[in-house]
Amino acid sequence: MSTAIAVLNAGSSSVKFSVFVESGAELRLQVRGQIEGLFTRPRFVAKAADGSLMAEKDWGDSQSLGHDGALDHLIEFLRERGGGLTLAGVGHRVVHGGLEYAQPVRVDAQVLTALEKYVPLAPLHQPHNLAPIRRLLERSPGLPQVACFDTAFHRTNSELAQMFGLPHAMFEQGVRRYGFHGLSYEYIASVLPSHSPRAASGRTIVLHLGNGASMCALHGGRSVASTMGFTAVDGLMMGTRTGNLDPGVLLYLIDQRGMDARAIEKLIYNQSGLLGVSGVSSDMRTLLDSPEPRARLAVDLYCYRIRRELGSLAAVLGGVDAVVFTAGIGENSPLIRARVLDDAAWLGVERDADANDAGGPQLTKASSRVLGLVLPTNEELMIAEHTRSVIRMH
């Protein structure tokens, strides 16, 4: 009988899952999949570690599962197809841990209530992250659940790096830069030593470029600054999020356009970014293939914002030893990587065109003062490892 850890990453309309099996000291991926279209046309797909199809189901247009229904189906699937696995616990990606949680934590009703306080700070993610936790507490109260936070890795940032130019009382009350995508950055920091000891011990900027996008400055593998701030809408322009925005724009929209908080929330989270600028799509692949001038404009602005933030983080670090790309766009778009690397030539980056087109992992020439790498992230494995550690502690 093998012991397994399940990992859940619940979004607004999908639940992604992975199951890892203990193999000695390591955790080995056994199955992964998702249930998508939770409120429109639910569809379930599960695949083995080698990519082969294990199971699928399509409910059609007539049924809405919601998060509870999706979790119930997933539990039944694991019971029927688990192959003798004993589920030791479930790890969850939770975007916001606030000031209270700088480490993964075992979740009970009290912790769940505490995490609900951060829903206004991450409205696109937090409510959905917590939904399966709540359901499992009801269905299987004895099953250990562990929340792993995207903010936790950045708790090593100095107070100065976390502050806004607001009255200090607000900082003490929690209005500060938290940073996100921490699980991705933590994983990259954990594998950097095997790729470059110099990058691992020195000054590295990691670019997590996906539908959500951010950058993080690492010094000795620890986060010292991040482009995201109080919420996950700050920093780089993203698929549908604005990124950095003058707060005076929001006051103008309230006073002159009559927009209320909910309308502004929808604007800055769902209608902006690549989608808003291009008017075509939030998908970088679609924009790169599009002949529309505004599609090109959106890509240009995306790369320009990266260039500005790269300079900012390089200044914080006092120089750069390595630049690392990860996540969907970072891992799969040689064109975006090429533009970013070429924009960073002033730092001492010399792109190797053939290596970049081939997907790395090294993207720069041997003569380059700054190392360029592309490394696949693995937030699920990071969550599984944290979950196992927390369970063993209790």
Protein backbone atom coordinates (compact mmCIF):
# COMPACT_ATOMS: atom_id res chain seq x y z
CA MET A 1 0.00 0.00 0.00
CA SER A 2 1.60 3.27 -1.18
CA THR A 3 1.18 6.59 0.60
CA ALA A 4 0.06 9.51 -1.57
CA ILE A 5 -0.31 13.28 -1.36
CA ALA A 6 -3.00 15.01 -3.42
CA VAL A 7 -2.49 18.60 -4.55
CA LEU A 8 -5.40 20.87 -5.50
CA ASN A 9 -5.26 24.21 -7.28
CA ALA A 10 -8.79 25.60 -7.53
CA GLY A 11 -9.56 28.54 -9.79
CA SER A 12 -12.77 30.36 -10.64
CA SER A 13 -13.92 27.79 -13.22
CA SER A 14 -11.58 24.83 -12.80
CA VAL A 15 -9.93 22.53 -10.28
CA LYS A 16 -6.51 21.22 -11.23
CA PHE A 17 -5.18 18.23 -9.32
CA SER A 18 -2.06 16.10 -8.98
CA VAL A 19 -1.34 12.97 -6.99
CA PHE A 20 2.19 12.22 -5.80
CA VAL A 21 3.31 8.86 -4.41
CA GLU A 22 6.12 8.46 -1.90
CA SER A 23 9.07 6.65 -3.44
CA GLY A 24 11.72 6.53 -0.75
CA ALA A 25 12.61 10.10 0.11
CA GLU A 26 11.17 11.41 -3.16
CA LEU A 27 7.65 12.19 -4.28
CA ARG A 28 6.78 10.80 -7.70
CA LEU A 29 3.92 12.10 -9.85
CA GLN A 30 1.27 9.40 -10.35
CA VAL A 31 -1.65 11.21 -11.94
CA ARG A 32 -2.67 14.74 -12.84
CA GLY A 33 -5.66 16.38 -14.47
CA GLN A 34 -8.42 18.90 -14.07
CA ILE A 35 -12.12 19.54 -14.08
CA GLU A 36 -12.80 22.65 -16.12
CA GLY A 37 -15.93 24.59 -17.08
CA LEU A 38 -17.37 24.11 -13.61
CA PHE A 39 -20.35 26.41 -14.22
CA THR A 40 -20.78 26.08 -17.99
CA ARG A 41 -19.82 22.72 -19.54
CA PRO A 42 -17.95 20.61 -16.97
CA ARG A 43 -15.29 18.28 -18.36
CA PHE A 44 -12.99 15.96 -16.42
CA VAL A 45 -9.64 14.66 -17.67
CA ALA A 46 -7.09 12.58 -15.77
CA LYS A 47 -3.74 11.47 -17.16
CA ALA A 48 -0.97 9.25 -15.87
CA ALA A 49 2.53 10.64 -15.35
CA ASP A 50 3.52 9.52 -18.86
CA GLY A 51 0.67 11.53 -20.37
CA SER A 52 -1.57 8.57 -21.19
CA LEU A 53 -5.30 9.08 -20.67
CA MET A 54 -6.69 7.45 -17.52
CA ALA A 55 -10.23 8.80 -17.46
CA GLU A 56 -12.44 11.51 -18.89
CA LYS A 57 -16.02 12.66 -18.58
CA ASP A 58 -18.09 15.39 -20.22
CA TRP A 59 -21.28 16.49 -18.48
CA GLY A 60 -22.49 18.55 -21.44
CA ASP A 61 -24.20 21.93 -21.25
CA SER A 62 -27.03 20.84 -18.98
CA GLN A 63 -25.18 20.58 -15.68
CA SER A 64 -23.27 22.94 -13.41
CA LEU A 65 -20.92 21.17 -11.01
CA GLY A 66 -19.43 24.06 -9.09
CA HIS A 67 -16.43 23.47 -6.85
CA ASP A 68 -18.26 21.12 -4.50
CA GLY A 69 -19.47 18.85 -7.29
CA ALA A 70 -16.03 18.84 -8.90
CA LEU A 71 -14.38 17.84 -5.63
CA ASP A 72 -16.95 15.10 -5.03
CA HIS A 73 -16.27 13.62 -8.48
CA LEU A 74 -12.53 13.82 -7.92
CA ILE A 75 -12.78 12.00 -4.60
CA GLU A 76 -14.78 9.19 -6.21
CA PHE A 77 -12.24 8.93 -9.04
CA LEU A 78 -9.36 8.58 -6.58
CA ARG A 79 -11.23 5.93 -4.61
CA GLU A 80 -12.03 3.89 -7.71
CA ARG A 81 -8.76 4.36 -9.62
CA GLY A 82 -6.32 5.00 -6.81
CA GLY A 83 -4.72 1.60 -7.24
CA GLY A 84 -4.37 0.85 -3.54
CA LEU A 85 -3.09 4.28 -2.60
CA THR A 86 -3.51 5.58 0.93
CA LEU A 87 -4.15 9.32 0.90
CA ALA A 88 -2.02 10.85 3.64
CA GLY A 89 -3.19 14.40 3.05
CA VAL A 90 -4.20 17.13 0.62
CA GLY A 91 -2.15 20.22 -0.17
CA HIS A 92 -3.78 23.37 -1.50
CA ARG A 93 -2.40 26.36 -3.32
CA VAL A 94 -3.72 29.42 -1.48
CA VAL A 95 -2.73 32.75 -2.95
CA HIS A 96 -2.78 34.95 0.17
CA GLY A 97 -1.50 34.16 3.64
CA GLY A 98 -1.26 37.75 4.84
CA LEU A 99 1.00 38.57 7.78
CA GLU A 100 -0.11 35.56 9.78
CA TYR A 101 1.19 32.78 7.57
CA ALA A 102 4.82 32.81 6.49
CA GLN A 103 4.92 29.00 6.29
CA PRO A 104 2.55 26.25 5.10
CA VAL A 105 -0.06 25.42 7.74
CA ARG A 106 -2.44 22.58 8.52
CA VAL A 107 -5.96 23.87 8.03
CA ASP A 108 -8.84 23.56 10.46
CA ALA A 109 -12.02 25.63 10.74
CA GLN A 110 -10.20 28.39 12.64
CA VAL A 111 -7.45 28.72 10.04
CA LEU A 112 -10.02 28.69 7.24
CA THR A 113 -11.85 31.60 8.87
CA ALA A 114 -8.58 33.51 9.17
CA LEU A 115 -7.81 32.97 5.48
CA GLU A 116 -11.21 34.26 4.43
CA LYS A 117 -10.11 37.72 5.63
CA TYR A 118 -7.80 37.93 2.62
CA VAL A 119 -10.50 37.43 -0.02
CA PRO A 120 -10.65 41.20 -0.75
CA LEU A 121 -6.89 41.19 -1.43
CA ALA A 122 -7.07 38.37 -3.97
CA PRO A 123 -10.66 38.29 -5.26
CA LEU A 124 -9.77 36.33 -8.40
CA HIS A 125 -8.14 33.52 -6.45
CA GLN A 126 -8.71 33.33 -2.69
CA PRO A 127 -12.44 32.42 -2.63
CA HIS A 128 -11.89 29.58 -5.10
CA ASN A 129 -8.70 28.37 -3.37
CA LEU A 130 -10.67 27.99 -0.14
CA ALA A 131 -13.76 26.30 -1.61
CA PRO A 132 -12.33 22.74 -1.76
CA ILE A 133 -10.78 23.12 1.70
CA ARG A 134 -14.21 23.93 3.13
CA ARG A 135 -15.81 21.00 1.31
CA LEU A 136 -13.20 18.52 2.49
CA LEU A 137 -13.51 19.74 6.09
CA GLU A 138 -17.20 18.86 5.83
CA ARG A 139 -16.78 15.54 4.02
CA SER A 140 -13.56 14.20 5.53
CA PRO A 141 -12.74 16.14 8.70
CA GLY A 142 -10.02 13.66 9.68
CA LEU A 143 -8.09 14.04 6.43
CA PRO A 144 -5.09 16.35 6.93
CA GLN A 145 -5.20 19.45 4.74
CA VAL A 146 -2.31 21.87 4.29
CA ALA A 147 -2.49 25.39 2.84
CA CYS A 148 0.62 26.53 0.95
CA PHE A 149 0.81 30.25 0.26
CA ASP A 150 1.98 32.23 -2.75
CA THR A 151 2.87 35.10 -0.42
CA ALA A 152 4.98 33.12 2.07
CA PHE A 153 8.24 33.05 0.09
CA HIS A 154 8.35 36.86 0.05
CA ARG A 155 8.15 37.26 3.83
CA THR A 156 11.97 37.52 3.69
CA ASN A 157 11.62 40.95 2.04
CA SER A 158 12.81 43.80 4.24
CA GLU A 159 10.25 46.12 5.80
CA LEU A 160 11.51 48.86 3.51
CA ALA A 161 10.78 46.71 0.43
CA GLN A 162 7.26 46.05 1.71
CA MET A 163 6.28 49.64 2.42
CA PHE A 164 4.13 52.09 0.50
CA GLY A 165 4.35 55.86 0.98
CA LEU A 166 1.20 55.80 3.13
CA PRO A 167 0.69 56.68 6.80
CA HIS A 168 2.71 54.17 8.82
CA ALA A 169 -0.32 53.03 10.77
CA MET A 170 -1.67 51.49 7.56
CA PHE A 171 1.55 49.51 7.12
CA GLU A 172 1.21 48.18 10.66
CA GLN A 173 -2.38 47.20 9.87
CA GLY A 174 -1.25 45.12 6.88
CA VAL A 175 -1.36 47.48 3.93
CA ARG A 176 1.99 46.49 2.42
CA ARG A 177 3.64 44.74 -0.52
CA TYR A 178 3.16 40.99 -0.12
CA GLY A 179 4.31 39.60 -3.48
CA PHE A 180 2.88 36.48 -5.14
CA HIS A 181 3.86 33.44 -7.24
CA GLY A 182 6.00 32.49 -4.24
CA LEU A 183 5.58 28.73 -4.71
CA SER A 184 6.95 29.02 -8.25
CA TYR A 185 9.91 31.13 -7.10
CA GLU A 186 10.59 28.78 -4.20
CA TYR A 187 10.75 25.83 -6.58
CA ILE A 188 13.11 27.65 -8.96
CA ALA A 189 15.33 28.62 -6.02
CA SER A 190 15.42 24.96 -4.93
CA VAL A 191 16.66 23.69 -8.32
CA LEU A 192 19.02 26.56 -9.18
CA PRO A 193 22.03 25.00 -7.39
CA SER A 194 21.99 22.05 -9.80
CA HIS A 195 22.10 24.43 -12.80
CA SER A 196 24.36 27.20 -11.56
CA PRO A 197 25.86 27.46 -8.08
CA ARG A 198 26.77 31.08 -8.90
CA ALA A 199 23.15 31.96 -9.69
CA ALA A 200 21.91 30.09 -6.62
CA SER A 201 24.23 31.90 -4.23
CA GLY A 202 24.29 35.22 -6.07
CA ARG A 203 21.91 37.76 -7.59
CA THR A 204 19.20 36.26 -9.78
CA ILE A 205 16.04 37.71 -11.31
CA VAL A 206 13.30 35.17 -12.03
CA LEU A 207 10.54 35.98 -14.51
CA HIS A 208 7.32 34.05 -13.92
CA LEU A 209 5.54 34.84 -17.18
CA GLY A 210 2.13 33.27 -17.62
CA ASN A 211 -1.44 34.55 -17.76
CA GLY A 212 -0.50 36.03 -14.42
CA ALA A 213 3.00 37.49 -14.52
CA SER A 214 5.54 38.79 -12.05
CA MET A 215 9.28 39.02 -11.42
CA CYS A 216 11.30 38.35 -8.29
CA ALA A 217 14.79 39.37 -7.21
CA LEU A 218 16.63 36.57 -5.40
CA HIS A 219 19.81 37.01 -3.40
CA GLY A 220 21.27 33.73 -2.19
CA GLY A 221 18.01 32.00 -3.07
CA ARG A 222 15.89 34.31 -0.89
CA SER A 223 13.33 36.80 -2.13
CA VAL A 224 14.37 40.41 -1.61
CA ALA A 225 11.87 42.18 -3.91
CA SER A 226 8.95 41.39 -6.20
CA THR A 227 6.98 43.27 -8.84
CA MET A 228 3.61 42.31 -7.32
CA GLY A 229 2.47 44.19 -4.26
CA PHE A 230 -0.60 44.42 -2.01
CA THR A 231 -2.58 42.42 -4.55
CA ALA A 232 -1.81 40.23 -7.56
CA VAL A 233 -2.82 43.00 -9.98
CA ASP A 234 0.35 45.09 -9.48
CA GLY A 235 3.60 45.08 -11.43
CA LEU A 236 3.84 43.62 -14.93
CA MET A 237 1.00 43.82 -17.42
CA MET A 238 -0.67 40.39 -17.59
CA GLY A 239 -3.22 38.49 -19.62
CA THR A 240 -6.21 40.48 -18.38
CA ARG A 241 -4.74 42.49 -15.46
CA THR A 242 -3.40 46.03 -15.75
CA GLY A 243 -0.22 45.67 -13.78
CA ASN A 244 1.26 48.91 -12.43
CA LEU A 245 -1.29 51.72 -12.53
CA ASP A 246 -1.30 55.29 -11.23
CA PRO A 247 -3.93 55.32 -8.44
CA GLY A 248 -5.00 58.72 -9.73
CA VAL A 249 -6.47 56.91 -12.75
CA LEU A 250 -8.84 55.09 -10.42
CA LEU A 251 -9.92 58.35 -8.78
CA TYR A 252 -10.56 59.80 -12.24
CA LEU A 253 -12.68 56.79 -13.22
CA ILE A 254 -14.72 57.16 -10.03
CA ASP A 255 -15.21 60.92 -10.27
CA GLN A 256 -15.50 61.44 -14.02
CA ARG A 257 -16.78 58.12 -15.34
CA GLY A 258 -19.04 57.23 -12.42
CA MET A 259 -17.51 53.79 -11.97
CA ASP A 260 -17.98 52.03 -8.65
CA ALA A 261 -15.62 49.62 -6.89
CA ARG A 262 -17.02 46.51 -8.59
CA ALA A 263 -16.78 48.04 -12.07
CA ILE A 264 -13.18 49.07 -11.41
CA GLU A 265 -12.39 45.63 -10.05
CA LYS A 266 -13.69 44.05 -13.26
CA LEU A 267 -11.73 46.54 -15.34
CA ILE A 268 -8.33 46.07 -13.70
CA TYR A 269 -8.58 42.30 -13.20
CA ASN A 270 -10.59 41.03 -16.20
CA GLN A 271 -10.70 43.59 -19.02
CA SER A 272 -7.19 45.00 -19.20
CA GLY A 273 -3.67 43.72 -19.85
CA LEU A 274 -2.95 41.96 -23.14
CA LEU A 275 -6.68 41.57 -23.77
CA GLY A 276 -7.54 45.20 -23.14
CA VAL A 277 -4.65 46.70 -25.09
CA SER A 278 -4.96 44.37 -28.06
CA GLY A 279 -8.73 43.99 -28.24
CA VAL A 280 -7.89 40.57 -29.65
CA SER A 281 -6.93 38.07 -26.94
CA SER A 282 -5.25 37.55 -23.59
CA ASP A 283 -3.27 34.62 -25.04
CA MET A 284 0.29 35.50 -26.04
CA ARG A 285 0.34 32.79 -28.71
CA THR A 286 -2.69 34.32 -30.42
CA LEU A 287 -1.20 37.81 -30.28
CA LEU A 288 2.14 36.72 -31.73
CA ASP A 289 0.31 35.11 -34.66
CA SER A 290 -2.11 38.02 -35.20
CA PRO A 291 -1.64 40.59 -38.00
CA GLU A 292 -3.60 43.19 -36.01
CA PRO A 293 -1.52 46.32 -35.17
CA ARG A 294 -2.96 46.44 -31.65
CA ALA A 295 -1.88 42.86 -31.05
CA ARG A 296 1.69 43.94 -31.80
CA LEU A 297 1.21 47.00 -29.58
CA ALA A 298 0.14 44.77 -26.68
CA VAL A 299 3.23 42.58 -27.09
CA ASP A 300 5.45 45.68 -27.29
CA LEU A 301 3.97 47.07 -24.08
CA TYR A 302 4.32 43.70 -22.35
CA CYS A 303 8.04 43.57 -23.18
CA TYR A 304 8.55 47.24 -22.32
CA ARG A 305 7.10 46.73 -18.85
CA ILE A 306 9.40 43.74 -18.30
CA ARG A 307 12.37 45.85 -19.37
CA ARG A 308 11.51 48.58 -16.85
CA GLU A 309 10.95 46.15 -13.98
CA LEU A 310 14.13 44.25 -14.81
CA GLY A 311 16.10 47.47 -14.43
CA SER A 312 14.38 48.19 -11.12
CA LEU A 313 15.15 44.76 -9.67
CA ALA A 314 18.73 44.89 -10.97
CA ALA A 315 19.15 48.15 -9.08
CA VAL A 316 17.81 46.58 -5.87
CA LEU A 317 20.27 43.71 -6.20
CA GLY A 318 23.18 45.94 -7.15
CA GLY A 319 23.83 43.89 -10.26
CA VAL A 320 22.71 40.60 -11.79
CA ASP A 321 24.37 37.21 -12.11
CA ALA A 322 21.49 35.36 -13.78
CA VAL A 323 18.09 35.82 -15.39
CA VAL A 324 15.67 32.87 -15.29
CA PHE A 325 12.45 32.42 -17.28
CA THR A 326 9.63 30.16 -16.12
CA ALA A 327 5.84 29.53 -16.42
CA GLY A 328 3.79 29.27 -19.62
CA ILE A 329 5.12 32.18 -21.68
CA GLY A 330 8.58 32.11 -20.13
CA GLU A 331 9.03 28.41 -20.83
CA ASN A 332 7.39 28.24 -24.26
CA SER A 333 7.94 31.53 -26.12
CA PRO A 334 11.44 31.88 -27.62
CA LEU A 335 10.38 35.19 -29.18
CA ILE A 336 9.44 36.84 -25.87
CA ARG A 337 12.59 35.45 -24.24
CA ALA A 338 14.68 36.83 -27.10
CA ARG A 339 13.19 40.31 -26.76
CA VAL A 340 13.71 40.36 -23.00
CA LEU A 341 17.29 39.08 -23.23
CA ASP A 342 18.17 41.56 -25.97
CA ASP A 343 16.65 44.40 -23.94
CA ALA A 344 18.95 43.33 -21.08
CA ALA A 345 22.15 43.53 -23.17
CA TRP A 346 23.15 46.60 -21.13
CA LEU A 347 23.42 44.32 -18.08
CA GLY A 348 25.88 42.06 -19.86
CA VAL A 349 23.44 39.55 -21.33
CA GLU A 350 24.57 37.92 -24.59
CA ARG A 351 21.79 35.80 -26.06
CA ASP A 352 22.61 32.54 -27.80
CA ALA A 353 20.00 32.54 -30.59
CA ASP A 354 20.25 28.82 -31.35
CA ALA A 355 20.09 27.80 -27.69
CA ASN A 356 17.10 30.05 -27.07
CA ASP A 357 15.22 28.71 -30.08
CA ALA A 358 15.99 25.15 -28.90
CA GLY A 359 14.49 25.86 -25.47
CA GLY A 360 17.64 26.01 -23.36
CA PRO A 361 18.06 25.40 -20.50
CA GLN A 362 20.97 27.82 -21.03
CA LEU A 363 20.00 30.74 -23.23
CA THR A 364 23.19 32.80 -23.25
CA LYS A 365 26.65 32.50 -24.76
CA ALA A 366 29.60 31.22 -22.73
CA SER A 367 31.06 34.75 -22.86
CA SER A 368 27.91 36.35 -21.36
CA ARG A 369 28.55 38.07 -18.02
CA VAL A 370 24.95 37.32 -17.03
CA LEU A 371 23.65 33.75 -17.31
CA GLY A 372 20.26 33.25 -18.97
CA LEU A 373 18.23 30.13 -18.17
CA VAL A 374 14.77 28.73 -18.83
CA LEU A 375 13.59 26.32 -16.14
CA PRO A 376 10.16 24.69 -15.88
CA THR A 377 8.44 25.48 -12.62
CA ASN A 378 6.69 22.84 -10.52
CA GLU A 379 4.43 24.44 -7.96
CA GLU A 380 2.53 21.16 -7.49
CA LEU A 381 5.64 19.29 -6.34
CA MET A 382 6.53 22.17 -4.03
CA ILE A 383 3.06 21.98 -2.45
CA ALA A 384 3.29 18.18 -2.13
CA GLU A 385 6.66 18.41 -0.37
CA HIS A 386 5.39 21.09 2.02
CA THR A 387 2.26 19.04 2.73
CA ARG A 388 4.26 15.93 3.58
CA SER A 389 6.53 17.94 5.89
CA VAL A 390 3.64 19.57 7.76
CA ILE A 391 1.81 16.25 8.18
CA ARG A 392 4.94 14.62 9.62
CA MET A 393 5.27 17.43 12.14
CA HIS A 394 1.81 16.80 13.58
